[in-house]
């Protein structure tokens, strides 16, 4: 019996989403023992938020370019930009989960009013959008990778991709706002 990814996009999306979100919640919840993680110098761990800010900002650019290219019917460049964005997202997530597994969440050092009315709402929306994006991204990625371009027009790739790209863009942008609040302003 031959199993083909193209015939099981929803199932693969569900499995990849559950595994990815389980890894995120395990890291955030402190379930992953630090002893299982590779040891790197403290300077590398300290650099992760700054590297992730660069990855997020670059992701904003690649999403915008991907949208621009597909609006011009340049599928090849659109695909390159969206795959690049996905790679940036994976790199961001791996680095973030590594750091949070070692050190826990970063502490906000600003005033309580900013913490309560700016930082927490921004962080909450950022995290919520990132969580919502995961299955959407896997879905459009699996559709795109399992079909020829001509067949994609017969799938929900375009409709779901628009939503995924918009939410992904906002999530990356809010992640940059969180970074600025944590590491630049305060």
N, C-alpha and C. Protein backbone atom coordinates (compact mmCIF):
# COMPACT_ATOMS: atom_id res chain seq x y z
N UNK A 1 0.84 -1.17 0.00
CA UNK A 1 0.00 0.00 0.00
C UNK A 1 0.89 1.24 0.00
N UNK A 2 0.69 2.07 -0.97
CA UNK A 2 1.51 3.27 -1.12
C UNK A 2 0.87 4.43 -0.37
N UNK A 3 1.69 5.06 0.50
CA UNK A 3 1.22 6.25 1.21
C UNK A 3 1.84 7.47 0.54
N UNK A 4 1.00 8.42 0.19
CA UNK A 4 1.49 9.63 -0.46
C UNK A 4 1.09 10.82 0.38
N UNK A 5 2.07 11.70 0.60
CA UNK A 5 1.84 12.89 1.42
C UNK A 5 0.69 13.72 0.86
N UNK A 6 0.60 13.82 -0.43
CA UNK A 6 -0.42 14.66 -1.05
C UNK A 6 -1.83 14.20 -0.71
N UNK A 7 -1.98 12.92 -0.38
CA UNK A 7 -3.29 12.39 -0.04
C UNK A 7 -3.60 12.49 1.46
N UNK A 8 -2.63 12.96 2.23
CA UNK A 8 -2.79 12.99 3.69
C UNK A 8 -2.30 14.31 4.28
N UNK A 9 -2.54 15.39 3.56
CA UNK A 9 -2.06 16.70 4.01
C UNK A 9 -2.66 17.09 5.36
N UNK A 10 -3.95 16.89 5.53
CA UNK A 10 -4.58 17.25 6.80
C UNK A 10 -4.03 16.43 7.96
N UNK A 11 -3.86 15.12 7.74
CA UNK A 11 -3.34 14.26 8.79
C UNK A 11 -1.90 14.63 9.14
N UNK A 12 -1.09 14.86 8.12
CA UNK A 12 0.31 15.27 8.35
C UNK A 12 0.38 16.62 9.05
N UNK A 13 -0.51 17.53 8.66
CA UNK A 13 -0.57 18.83 9.31
C UNK A 13 -0.87 18.66 10.79
N UNK A 14 -1.83 17.81 11.10
CA UNK A 14 -2.21 17.58 12.50
C UNK A 14 -1.05 16.99 13.29
N UNK A 15 -0.39 15.99 12.74
CA UNK A 15 0.72 15.34 13.45
C UNK A 15 1.87 16.32 13.66
N UNK A 16 2.26 17.02 12.61
CA UNK A 16 3.36 17.98 12.74
C UNK A 16 3.01 19.11 13.71
N UNK A 17 1.77 19.55 13.69
CA UNK A 17 1.34 20.62 14.59
C UNK A 17 1.38 20.15 16.04
N UNK A 18 0.86 18.96 16.30
CA UNK A 18 0.85 18.44 17.67
C UNK A 18 2.28 18.24 18.18
N UNK A 19 3.13 17.67 17.36
CA UNK A 19 4.53 17.46 17.78
C UNK A 19 5.22 18.80 18.03
N UNK A 20 5.03 19.75 17.13
CA UNK A 20 5.66 21.07 17.28
C UNK A 20 5.16 21.78 18.53
N UNK A 21 3.85 21.80 18.72
CA UNK A 21 3.29 22.49 19.89
C UNK A 21 3.65 21.78 21.18
N UNK A 22 3.74 20.46 21.15
CA UNK A 22 4.18 19.72 22.35
C UNK A 22 5.60 20.11 22.71
N UNK A 23 6.47 20.25 21.71
CA UNK A 23 7.85 20.67 21.97
C UNK A 23 7.89 22.07 22.57
N UNK A 24 7.07 22.96 22.03
CA UNK A 24 7.02 24.33 22.55
C UNK A 24 6.55 24.34 23.99
N UNK A 25 5.43 23.67 24.26
CA UNK A 25 4.89 23.68 25.62
C UNK A 25 5.80 22.94 26.60
N UNK A 26 6.49 21.90 26.14
CA UNK A 26 7.44 21.20 27.01
C UNK A 26 8.59 22.12 27.39
N UNK A 27 9.10 22.87 26.42
CA UNK A 27 10.21 23.78 26.71
C UNK A 27 9.76 24.91 27.62
N UNK A 28 8.62 25.51 27.29
CA UNK A 28 8.12 26.64 28.09
C UNK A 28 7.74 26.16 29.49
N UNK A 29 7.20 24.97 29.59
CA UNK A 29 6.79 24.42 30.88
C UNK A 29 7.92 23.85 31.71
N UNK A 30 9.13 23.91 31.20
CA UNK A 30 10.27 23.41 31.96
C UNK A 30 10.36 21.90 32.03
N UNK A 31 9.70 21.21 31.11
CA UNK A 31 9.70 19.75 31.11
C UNK A 31 11.01 19.19 30.54
N UNK A 32 11.65 19.95 29.67
CA UNK A 32 12.88 19.48 29.04
C UNK A 32 14.04 19.72 30.00
N UNK A 33 14.70 18.65 30.46
CA UNK A 33 15.83 18.83 31.37
C UNK A 33 17.01 19.47 30.64
N UNK A 34 17.62 20.46 31.28
CA UNK A 34 18.77 21.15 30.68
C UNK A 34 19.91 20.18 30.40
N UNK A 35 19.98 19.09 31.15
CA UNK A 35 21.05 18.11 30.96
C UNK A 35 20.97 17.41 29.61
N UNK A 36 19.81 17.43 28.98
CA UNK A 36 19.65 16.81 27.66
C UNK A 36 20.08 17.73 26.52
N UNK A 37 20.28 19.00 26.83
CA UNK A 37 20.59 19.98 25.80
C UNK A 37 22.10 20.13 25.63
N UNK A 38 22.53 20.47 24.42
CA UNK A 38 23.97 20.70 24.22
C UNK A 38 24.43 21.90 25.04
N UNK A 39 25.66 21.83 25.51
CA UNK A 39 26.23 22.91 26.30
C UNK A 39 26.94 23.88 25.36
N UNK A 40 26.61 25.16 25.51
CA UNK A 40 27.27 26.20 24.73
C UNK A 40 27.71 27.29 25.71
N UNK A 41 28.66 28.13 25.31
CA UNK A 41 29.08 29.20 26.21
C UNK A 41 27.93 30.15 26.54
N UNK A 42 27.99 30.77 27.72
CA UNK A 42 26.96 31.72 28.14
C UNK A 42 26.79 32.84 27.13
N UNK A 43 27.86 33.24 26.48
CA UNK A 43 27.78 34.33 25.51
C UNK A 43 26.88 33.95 24.34
N UNK A 44 26.85 32.69 23.98
CA UNK A 44 25.99 32.22 22.90
C UNK A 44 24.53 32.28 23.36
N UNK A 45 24.26 31.81 24.56
CA UNK A 45 22.90 31.85 25.09
C UNK A 45 22.43 33.30 25.21
N UNK A 46 23.32 34.18 25.67
CA UNK A 46 22.98 35.60 25.82
C UNK A 46 22.70 36.26 24.47
N UNK A 47 23.30 35.75 23.41
CA UNK A 47 23.12 36.34 22.08
C UNK A 47 21.82 35.90 21.41
N UNK A 48 21.20 34.85 21.90
CA UNK A 48 20.02 34.29 21.23
C UNK A 48 18.90 35.31 21.04
N UNK A 49 18.51 36.11 22.03
CA UNK A 49 17.43 37.07 21.77
C UNK A 49 17.77 38.05 20.65
N UNK A 50 19.03 38.44 20.55
CA UNK A 50 19.45 39.39 19.52
C UNK A 50 19.45 38.73 18.14
N UNK A 51 19.91 37.49 18.10
CA UNK A 51 19.87 36.74 16.84
C UNK A 51 18.41 36.53 16.42
N UNK A 52 17.56 36.20 17.38
CA UNK A 52 16.15 35.98 17.05
C UNK A 52 15.46 37.25 16.57
N UNK A 53 15.88 38.40 17.08
CA UNK A 53 15.32 39.67 16.59
C UNK A 53 15.70 39.87 15.12
N UNK A 54 16.92 39.51 14.78
CA UNK A 54 17.35 39.61 13.37
C UNK A 54 16.57 38.62 12.52
N UNK A 55 16.38 37.40 13.02
CA UNK A 55 15.60 36.40 12.27
C UNK A 55 14.16 36.88 12.06
N UNK A 56 13.56 37.46 13.10
CA UNK A 56 12.18 37.95 12.99
C UNK A 56 12.07 39.09 11.98
N UNK A 57 12.99 40.02 12.07
CA UNK A 57 12.95 41.17 11.16
C UNK A 57 13.18 40.71 9.73
N UNK A 58 14.10 39.79 9.54
CA UNK A 58 14.34 39.23 8.21
C UNK A 58 13.09 38.50 7.72
N UNK A 59 12.41 37.80 8.63
CA UNK A 59 11.15 37.13 8.28
C UNK A 59 10.08 38.09 7.80
N UNK A 60 10.03 39.27 8.41
CA UNK A 60 9.08 40.29 7.95
C UNK A 60 9.36 40.66 6.49
N UNK A 61 10.63 40.80 6.18
CA UNK A 61 11.02 41.17 4.81
C UNK A 61 10.70 40.04 3.84
N UNK A 62 11.02 38.79 4.21
CA UNK A 62 10.79 37.68 3.29
C UNK A 62 9.30 37.40 3.09
N UNK A 63 8.48 37.60 4.13
CA UNK A 63 7.03 37.45 3.96
C UNK A 63 6.52 38.51 2.98
N UNK A 64 6.92 39.76 3.21
CA UNK A 64 6.47 40.85 2.33
C UNK A 64 6.90 40.60 0.89
N UNK A 65 8.13 40.15 0.70
CA UNK A 65 8.60 39.85 -0.65
C UNK A 65 7.83 38.67 -1.25
N UNK A 66 7.56 37.65 -0.44
CA UNK A 66 6.80 36.49 -0.92
C UNK A 66 5.42 36.90 -1.40
N UNK A 67 4.77 37.76 -0.64
CA UNK A 67 3.44 38.26 -1.04
C UNK A 67 3.56 39.07 -2.33
N UNK A 68 4.56 39.91 -2.39
CA UNK A 68 4.75 40.74 -3.58
C UNK A 68 4.98 39.87 -4.82
N UNK A 69 5.83 38.85 -4.67
CA UNK A 69 6.14 38.00 -5.82
C UNK A 69 4.92 37.24 -6.31
N UNK A 70 4.11 36.71 -5.39
CA UNK A 70 2.95 35.95 -5.85
C UNK A 70 1.92 36.86 -6.49
N UNK A 71 1.82 38.10 -6.04
CA UNK A 71 0.90 39.06 -6.68
C UNK A 71 1.34 39.37 -8.11
N UNK A 72 2.62 39.18 -8.37
CA UNK A 72 3.15 39.39 -9.73
C UNK A 72 3.25 38.08 -10.50
N UNK A 73 2.65 37.04 -9.96
CA UNK A 73 2.66 35.70 -10.57
C UNK A 73 4.05 35.11 -10.72
N UNK A 74 4.97 35.50 -9.85
CA UNK A 74 6.31 34.94 -9.85
C UNK A 74 6.37 33.85 -8.79
N UNK A 75 5.86 32.68 -9.17
CA UNK A 75 5.71 31.56 -8.24
C UNK A 75 7.07 31.09 -7.72
N UNK A 76 8.06 31.05 -8.59
CA UNK A 76 9.39 30.57 -8.19
C UNK A 76 9.97 31.42 -7.06
N UNK A 77 9.90 32.73 -7.21
CA UNK A 77 10.46 33.62 -6.19
C UNK A 77 9.57 33.64 -4.93
N UNK A 78 8.26 33.52 -5.12
CA UNK A 78 7.35 33.43 -3.98
C UNK A 78 7.71 32.20 -3.14
N UNK A 79 7.86 31.08 -3.80
CA UNK A 79 8.21 29.84 -3.10
C UNK A 79 9.53 29.99 -2.37
N UNK A 80 10.51 30.59 -3.01
CA UNK A 80 11.82 30.78 -2.37
C UNK A 80 11.69 31.64 -1.11
N UNK A 81 10.90 32.70 -1.19
CA UNK A 81 10.74 33.59 -0.04
C UNK A 81 9.99 32.90 1.10
N UNK A 82 8.95 32.16 0.77
CA UNK A 82 8.17 31.53 1.82
C UNK A 82 8.93 30.37 2.46
N UNK A 83 9.69 29.63 1.67
CA UNK A 83 10.54 28.59 2.25
C UNK A 83 11.64 29.20 3.12
N UNK A 84 12.17 30.33 2.68
CA UNK A 84 13.17 31.04 3.49
C UNK A 84 12.55 31.49 4.80
N UNK A 85 11.35 32.03 4.74
CA UNK A 85 10.66 32.47 5.95
C UNK A 85 10.42 31.30 6.89
N UNK A 86 10.02 30.17 6.34
CA UNK A 86 9.80 28.99 7.17
C UNK A 86 11.10 28.56 7.84
N UNK A 87 12.20 28.58 7.10
CA UNK A 87 13.50 28.24 7.69
C UNK A 87 13.88 29.23 8.79
N UNK A 88 13.61 30.51 8.58
CA UNK A 88 13.88 31.52 9.61
C UNK A 88 13.04 31.24 10.86
N UNK A 89 11.77 30.88 10.64
CA UNK A 89 10.87 30.57 11.74
C UNK A 89 11.37 29.36 12.53
N UNK A 90 11.80 28.33 11.84
CA UNK A 90 12.31 27.12 12.50
C UNK A 90 13.57 27.47 13.30
N UNK A 91 14.48 28.23 12.69
CA UNK A 91 15.70 28.64 13.40
C UNK A 91 15.35 29.45 14.65
N UNK A 92 14.43 30.41 14.48
CA UNK A 92 13.97 31.22 15.62
C UNK A 92 13.44 30.31 16.72
N UNK A 93 12.56 29.41 16.37
CA UNK A 93 11.91 28.56 17.35
C UNK A 93 12.91 27.65 18.07
N UNK A 94 13.83 27.06 17.34
CA UNK A 94 14.83 26.19 17.96
C UNK A 94 15.69 26.99 18.95
N UNK A 95 16.14 28.16 18.52
CA UNK A 95 16.95 29.00 19.42
C UNK A 95 16.14 29.45 20.64
N UNK A 96 14.92 29.88 20.41
CA UNK A 96 14.06 30.34 21.51
C UNK A 96 13.82 29.20 22.51
N UNK A 97 13.46 28.04 22.01
CA UNK A 97 13.17 26.91 22.89
C UNK A 97 14.42 26.45 23.64
N UNK A 98 15.57 26.51 22.98
CA UNK A 98 16.82 26.16 23.65
C UNK A 98 17.06 27.10 24.83
N UNK A 99 16.95 28.40 24.56
CA UNK A 99 17.23 29.40 25.60
C UNK A 99 16.21 29.32 26.74
N UNK A 100 14.94 29.19 26.39
CA UNK A 100 13.91 29.15 27.44
C UNK A 100 14.01 27.87 28.26
N UNK A 101 14.47 26.79 27.64
CA UNK A 101 14.67 25.54 28.39
C UNK A 101 15.78 25.69 29.41
N UNK A 102 16.78 26.49 29.09
CA UNK A 102 17.90 26.70 30.01
C UNK A 102 17.60 27.75 31.07
N UNK A 103 16.97 28.85 30.65
CA UNK A 103 16.86 30.01 31.53
C UNK A 103 15.44 30.41 31.91
N UNK A 104 14.45 29.83 31.28
CA UNK A 104 13.08 30.27 31.53
C UNK A 104 12.81 31.56 30.79
N UNK A 105 11.60 32.09 30.95
CA UNK A 105 11.25 33.31 30.23
C UNK A 105 12.05 34.51 30.73
N UNK A 106 12.27 35.46 29.83
CA UNK A 106 12.99 36.69 30.18
C UNK A 106 12.12 37.52 31.13
N UNK A 107 12.77 38.17 32.05
CA UNK A 107 12.06 39.02 33.01
C UNK A 107 11.90 40.43 32.44
N UNK A 108 10.70 40.98 32.55
CA UNK A 108 10.46 42.35 32.11
C UNK A 108 10.86 43.29 33.24
N UNK A 109 11.76 44.22 32.95
CA UNK A 109 12.31 45.10 33.98
C UNK A 109 11.73 46.51 33.95
N UNK A 110 10.74 46.76 33.12
CA UNK A 110 10.14 48.08 33.01
C UNK A 110 9.09 48.32 34.07
N UNK A 111 8.46 49.48 34.00
CA UNK A 111 7.42 49.84 34.97
C UNK A 111 6.21 48.90 34.89
N UNK A 112 5.52 48.77 36.02
CA UNK A 112 4.36 47.87 36.09
C UNK A 112 3.26 48.25 35.11
N UNK A 113 3.04 49.54 34.90
CA UNK A 113 1.99 49.97 33.98
C UNK A 113 2.30 49.53 32.55
N UNK A 114 3.54 49.66 32.15
CA UNK A 114 3.95 49.20 30.81
C UNK A 114 3.86 47.69 30.74
N UNK A 115 4.26 47.03 31.81
CA UNK A 115 4.18 45.57 31.87
C UNK A 115 2.73 45.10 31.68
N UNK A 116 1.83 45.71 32.43
CA UNK A 116 0.44 45.27 32.43
C UNK A 116 -0.32 45.66 31.18
N UNK A 117 -0.09 46.87 30.67
CA UNK A 117 -0.93 47.38 29.58
C UNK A 117 -0.29 47.35 28.20
N UNK A 118 1.01 47.12 28.14
CA UNK A 118 1.69 47.07 26.84
C UNK A 118 2.38 45.72 26.64
N UNK A 119 3.30 45.39 27.54
CA UNK A 119 4.11 44.18 27.36
C UNK A 119 3.26 42.91 27.35
N UNK A 120 2.48 42.67 28.40
CA UNK A 120 1.70 41.42 28.47
C UNK A 120 0.70 41.27 27.33
N UNK A 121 -0.08 42.32 26.99
CA UNK A 121 -0.99 42.15 25.83
C UNK A 121 -0.24 41.89 24.52
N UNK A 122 0.87 42.58 24.32
CA UNK A 122 1.65 42.37 23.10
C UNK A 122 2.20 40.95 23.06
N UNK A 123 2.75 40.50 24.17
CA UNK A 123 3.28 39.14 24.25
C UNK A 123 2.18 38.11 24.04
N UNK A 124 1.02 38.34 24.65
CA UNK A 124 -0.08 37.38 24.53
C UNK A 124 -0.55 37.24 23.08
N UNK A 125 -0.71 38.35 22.40
CA UNK A 125 -1.15 38.30 21.00
C UNK A 125 -0.06 37.65 20.13
N UNK A 126 1.19 38.01 20.39
CA UNK A 126 2.31 37.40 19.65
C UNK A 126 2.30 35.88 19.80
N UNK A 127 2.19 35.40 21.03
CA UNK A 127 2.22 33.96 21.30
C UNK A 127 0.99 33.28 20.70
N UNK A 128 -0.18 33.88 20.88
CA UNK A 128 -1.40 33.31 20.32
C UNK A 128 -1.31 33.17 18.80
N UNK A 129 -0.85 34.22 18.13
CA UNK A 129 -0.72 34.16 16.67
C UNK A 129 0.31 33.13 16.25
N UNK A 130 1.41 33.04 16.99
CA UNK A 130 2.44 32.04 16.66
C UNK A 130 1.86 30.63 16.76
N UNK A 131 1.06 30.39 17.79
CA UNK A 131 0.44 29.07 17.97
C UNK A 131 -0.56 28.78 16.85
N UNK A 132 -1.38 29.77 16.52
CA UNK A 132 -2.37 29.60 15.45
C UNK A 132 -1.68 29.38 14.10
N UNK A 133 -0.55 30.05 13.90
CA UNK A 133 0.16 29.95 12.62
C UNK A 133 0.72 28.56 12.35
N UNK A 134 1.10 27.85 13.38
CA UNK A 134 1.80 26.57 13.17
C UNK A 134 1.00 25.61 12.27
N UNK A 135 -0.26 25.28 12.59
CA UNK A 135 -0.97 24.38 11.68
C UNK A 135 -1.24 24.99 10.31
N UNK A 136 -1.50 26.29 10.27
CA UNK A 136 -1.72 26.94 8.97
C UNK A 136 -0.48 26.84 8.09
N UNK A 137 0.67 27.09 8.69
CA UNK A 137 1.93 27.04 7.93
C UNK A 137 2.23 25.63 7.44
N UNK A 138 2.06 24.66 8.34
CA UNK A 138 2.29 23.27 7.90
C UNK A 138 1.34 22.90 6.76
N UNK A 139 0.09 23.32 6.86
CA UNK A 139 -0.89 22.99 5.84
C UNK A 139 -0.50 23.56 4.48
N UNK A 140 -0.23 24.87 4.41
CA UNK A 140 0.10 25.46 3.11
C UNK A 140 1.44 24.94 2.60
N UNK A 141 2.38 24.69 3.52
CA UNK A 141 3.67 24.15 3.11
C UNK A 141 3.52 22.74 2.53
N UNK A 142 2.75 21.91 3.21
CA UNK A 142 2.55 20.56 2.70
C UNK A 142 1.80 20.55 1.37
N UNK A 143 0.80 21.42 1.24
CA UNK A 143 0.12 21.53 -0.06
C UNK A 143 1.11 21.92 -1.14
N UNK A 144 1.93 22.93 -0.86
CA UNK A 144 2.86 23.44 -1.86
C UNK A 144 3.93 22.42 -2.23
N UNK A 145 4.38 21.65 -1.26
CA UNK A 145 5.45 20.69 -1.53
C UNK A 145 4.95 19.37 -2.11
N UNK A 146 3.66 19.12 -2.01
CA UNK A 146 3.15 17.82 -2.46
C UNK A 146 2.40 17.88 -3.79
N UNK A 147 2.38 19.06 -4.40
CA UNK A 147 1.63 19.21 -5.65
C UNK A 147 2.40 20.07 -6.64
N UNK A 148 2.17 19.82 -7.91
CA UNK A 148 2.70 20.75 -8.91
C UNK A 148 1.98 22.09 -8.79
N UNK A 149 2.63 23.15 -9.21
CA UNK A 149 2.08 24.50 -9.09
C UNK A 149 0.68 24.59 -9.70
N UNK A 150 0.49 24.01 -10.85
CA UNK A 150 -0.81 24.11 -11.54
C UNK A 150 -1.94 23.54 -10.68
N UNK A 151 -1.66 22.51 -9.90
CA UNK A 151 -2.69 21.90 -9.05
C UNK A 151 -2.97 22.73 -7.80
N UNK A 152 -2.05 23.57 -7.39
CA UNK A 152 -2.24 24.36 -6.17
C UNK A 152 -3.45 25.29 -6.28
N UNK A 153 -3.73 25.74 -7.50
CA UNK A 153 -4.86 26.65 -7.71
C UNK A 153 -6.20 25.97 -7.43
N UNK A 154 -6.19 24.65 -7.37
CA UNK A 154 -7.41 23.89 -7.09
C UNK A 154 -7.53 23.54 -5.61
N UNK A 155 -6.60 24.01 -4.80
CA UNK A 155 -6.59 23.71 -3.36
C UNK A 155 -6.83 25.00 -2.57
N UNK A 156 -7.00 24.88 -1.26
CA UNK A 156 -7.16 26.08 -0.42
C UNK A 156 -5.82 26.80 -0.15
N UNK A 157 -4.76 26.43 -0.85
CA UNK A 157 -3.44 27.02 -0.58
C UNK A 157 -3.47 28.55 -0.60
N UNK A 158 -4.07 29.12 -1.61
CA UNK A 158 -4.09 30.58 -1.74
C UNK A 158 -4.86 31.23 -0.58
N UNK A 159 -6.04 30.73 -0.30
CA UNK A 159 -6.87 31.32 0.76
C UNK A 159 -6.24 31.16 2.14
N UNK A 160 -5.81 29.97 2.46
CA UNK A 160 -5.18 29.70 3.76
C UNK A 160 -3.83 30.40 3.83
N UNK A 161 -3.12 30.43 2.72
CA UNK A 161 -1.81 31.09 2.68
C UNK A 161 -1.91 32.58 2.98
N UNK A 162 -2.95 33.23 2.48
CA UNK A 162 -3.14 34.66 2.77
C UNK A 162 -3.31 34.89 4.27
N UNK A 163 -4.14 34.07 4.87
CA UNK A 163 -4.38 34.20 6.31
C UNK A 163 -3.10 33.89 7.07
N UNK A 164 -2.44 32.80 6.71
CA UNK A 164 -1.21 32.40 7.40
C UNK A 164 -0.14 33.49 7.28
N UNK A 165 0.04 34.03 6.09
CA UNK A 165 1.06 35.06 5.89
C UNK A 165 0.75 36.31 6.71
N UNK A 166 -0.51 36.71 6.74
CA UNK A 166 -0.89 37.90 7.51
C UNK A 166 -0.65 37.69 9.00
N UNK A 167 -1.10 36.56 9.52
CA UNK A 167 -0.92 36.28 10.94
C UNK A 167 0.56 36.11 11.29
N UNK A 168 1.30 35.46 10.41
CA UNK A 168 2.73 35.24 10.60
C UNK A 168 3.46 36.58 10.64
N UNK A 169 3.11 37.46 9.73
CA UNK A 169 3.72 38.79 9.67
C UNK A 169 3.48 39.55 10.97
N UNK A 170 2.22 39.55 11.43
CA UNK A 170 1.90 40.27 12.67
C UNK A 170 2.61 39.63 13.86
N UNK A 171 2.68 38.31 13.89
CA UNK A 171 3.37 37.64 14.98
C UNK A 171 4.86 38.01 15.01
N UNK A 172 5.50 37.98 13.85
CA UNK A 172 6.91 38.39 13.78
C UNK A 172 7.08 39.85 14.23
N UNK A 173 6.19 40.72 13.77
CA UNK A 173 6.29 42.13 14.13
C UNK A 173 6.11 42.33 15.64
N UNK A 174 5.13 41.65 16.22
CA UNK A 174 4.93 41.77 17.66
C UNK A 174 6.08 41.16 18.44
N UNK A 175 6.69 40.11 17.88
CA UNK A 175 7.89 39.55 18.50
C UNK A 175 9.01 40.58 18.56
N UNK A 176 9.13 41.36 17.51
CA UNK A 176 10.13 42.44 17.52
C UNK A 176 9.79 43.51 18.55
N UNK A 177 8.51 43.80 18.73
CA UNK A 177 8.10 44.77 19.76
C UNK A 177 8.46 44.23 21.15
N UNK A 178 8.20 42.95 21.38
CA UNK A 178 8.56 42.33 22.66
C UNK A 178 10.07 42.43 22.89
N UNK A 179 10.83 42.12 21.85
CA UNK A 179 12.30 42.23 21.95
C UNK A 179 12.72 43.65 22.33
N UNK A 180 12.16 44.64 21.66
CA UNK A 180 12.52 46.03 21.94
C UNK A 180 12.18 46.38 23.39
N UNK A 181 11.02 45.95 23.86
CA UNK A 181 10.65 46.24 25.24
C UNK A 181 11.58 45.55 26.24
N UNK A 182 11.97 44.32 25.95
CA UNK A 182 12.81 43.58 26.88
C UNK A 182 14.28 43.97 26.84
N UNK A 183 14.82 44.25 25.65
CA UNK A 183 16.26 44.36 25.52
C UNK A 183 16.76 45.73 25.06
N UNK A 184 15.87 46.60 24.62
CA UNK A 184 16.30 47.92 24.15
C UNK A 184 15.79 49.01 25.09
N UNK A 185 14.49 49.05 25.30
CA UNK A 185 13.90 50.12 26.10
C UNK A 185 14.16 49.89 27.59
N UNK A 186 13.94 48.64 28.05
CA UNK A 186 14.11 48.37 29.48
C UNK A 186 15.18 47.34 29.70
